[in-house]
Amino acid sequence: MGEYLTINEALVILNTLRERHKELADLRDTNRNARVYGIRTDKEYVEQPTYDVKQIDKMMAALSKEIRKIDAAIKQANANTKVDHVFDETVLDAIE
């Protein structure tokens, strides 16, 4: 990749990564497919994962790592970037 991102682009990507991470966490938590074995009262419920839990965890770990890296880069950029604005402290004055 190697391209530089604007802060806005990085924030959009960060938001997308967080949403994907949440989707995978929800998928992992609801990753069961129940099957019923037996006749009438002698039923046995067996839940089997629909997706490979280890693969989901691996993807979540990679997303978490990328989220941390982008978040750190955004914070570093914000620390180094000056805003072209003169703050007027009189807007915070008490009402007379």
Protein backbone atom coordinates (compact mmCIF):
# COMPACT_ATOMS: atom_id res chain seq x y z
CA MET A 1 0.00 0.00 0.00
CA GLY A 2 2.45 2.69 1.13
CA GLU A 3 0.14 5.60 0.32
CA TYR A 4 -0.43 8.36 2.82
CA LEU A 5 -3.95 8.97 4.01
CA THR A 6 -5.64 12.18 4.98
CA ILE A 7 -6.89 12.30 8.54
CA ASN A 8 -10.45 12.11 7.23
CA GLU A 9 -9.66 9.01 5.14
CA ALA A 10 -8.00 7.38 8.14
CA LEU A 11 -11.06 8.13 10.31
CA VAL A 12 -13.36 6.58 7.71
CA ILE A 13 -11.16 3.46 7.49
CA LEU A 14 -10.96 3.28 11.29
CA ASN A 15 -14.76 3.40 11.53
CA THR A 16 -15.09 0.68 8.87
CA LEU A 17 -12.58 -1.55 10.67
CA ARG A 18 -14.44 -1.13 13.97
CA GLU A 19 -17.75 -2.01 12.32
CA ARG A 20 -16.22 -5.12 10.72
CA HIS A 21 -14.69 -6.14 14.07
CA LYS A 22 -18.11 -5.84 15.72
CA GLU A 23 -19.74 -7.87 12.93
CA LEU A 24 -17.18 -10.65 13.42
CA ALA A 25 -17.64 -10.57 17.20
CA ASP A 26 -21.41 -10.90 16.74
CA LEU A 27 -20.86 -13.72 14.24
CA ARG A 28 -18.57 -15.55 16.63
CA ASP A 29 -21.10 -15.20 19.46
CA THR A 30 -24.00 -16.52 17.36
CA ASN A 31 -21.95 -19.09 15.46
CA ARG A 32 -24.05 -22.14 16.22
CA ASN A 33 -26.18 -24.45 14.12
CA ALA A 34 -28.46 -26.63 16.26
CA ARG A 35 -29.33 -30.11 15.09
CA VAL A 36 -31.87 -32.38 16.73
CA TYR A 37 -31.27 -36.11 17.02
CA GLY A 38 -33.78 -38.62 18.37
CA ILE A 39 -37.48 -39.31 18.28
CA ARG A 40 -40.10 -37.39 20.27
CA THR A 41 -38.99 -37.10 23.91
CA ASP A 42 -35.52 -38.60 23.49
CA LYS A 43 -34.18 -35.59 21.64
CA GLU A 44 -30.56 -34.60 21.79
CA TYR A 45 -29.58 -31.09 20.73
CA VAL A 46 -26.12 -30.78 19.26
CA GLU A 47 -24.78 -27.37 18.36
CA GLN A 48 -22.04 -27.22 15.79
CA PRO A 49 -20.20 -24.10 14.69
CA THR A 50 -21.24 -22.77 11.30
CA TYR A 51 -17.90 -20.99 10.78
CA ASP A 52 -14.41 -21.82 11.99
CA VAL A 53 -14.09 -19.99 15.32
CA LYS A 54 -10.29 -19.98 15.12
CA GLN A 55 -10.44 -18.28 11.72
CA ILE A 56 -12.87 -15.66 13.04
CA ASP A 57 -10.59 -15.00 16.03
CA LYS A 58 -7.59 -14.70 13.72
CA MET A 59 -9.42 -12.16 11.55
CA MET A 60 -10.52 -10.23 14.64
CA ALA A 61 -6.94 -10.12 15.94
CA ALA A 62 -5.72 -8.74 12.61
CA LEU A 63 -8.48 -6.12 12.61
CA SER A 64 -7.64 -5.14 16.20
CA LYS A 65 -3.99 -4.70 15.29
CA GLU A 66 -4.87 -2.52 12.28
CA ILE A 67 -7.31 -0.48 14.41
CA ARG A 68 -4.56 0.21 16.95
CA LYS A 69 -2.06 1.19 14.24
CA ILE A 70 -4.45 3.57 12.47
CA ASP A 71 -5.65 5.05 15.76
CA ALA A 72 -2.05 5.72 16.82
CA ALA A 73 -1.27 7.29 13.43
CA ILE A 74 -4.32 9.57 13.70
CA LYS A 75 -3.32 10.66 17.20
CA GLN A 76 0.23 11.34 16.03
CA ALA A 77 -1.02 13.38 13.07
CA ASN A 78 -3.34 15.36 15.35
CA ALA A 79 -0.47 16.06 17.74
CA ASN A 80 1.64 17.44 14.88
CA THR A 81 -1.06 19.37 13.03
CA LYS A 82 -1.83 22.98 13.82
CA VAL A 83 -5.30 24.37 13.19
CA ASP A 84 -5.43 27.71 11.38
CA HIS A 85 -7.83 29.38 13.78
CA VAL A 86 -7.49 32.02 16.48
CA PHE A 87 -9.69 31.11 19.44
CA ASP A 88 -11.73 33.97 20.92
CA GLU A 89 -11.88 33.32 24.66
CA THR A 90 -14.55 35.96 25.16
CA VAL A 91 -17.17 33.49 23.93
CA LEU A 92 -16.71 31.73 27.29
CA ASP A 93 -17.24 34.89 29.37
CA ALA A 94 -19.95 34.92 32.02
CA ILE A 95 -23.33 36.48 31.32
CA GLU A 96 -23.58 39.99 32.74
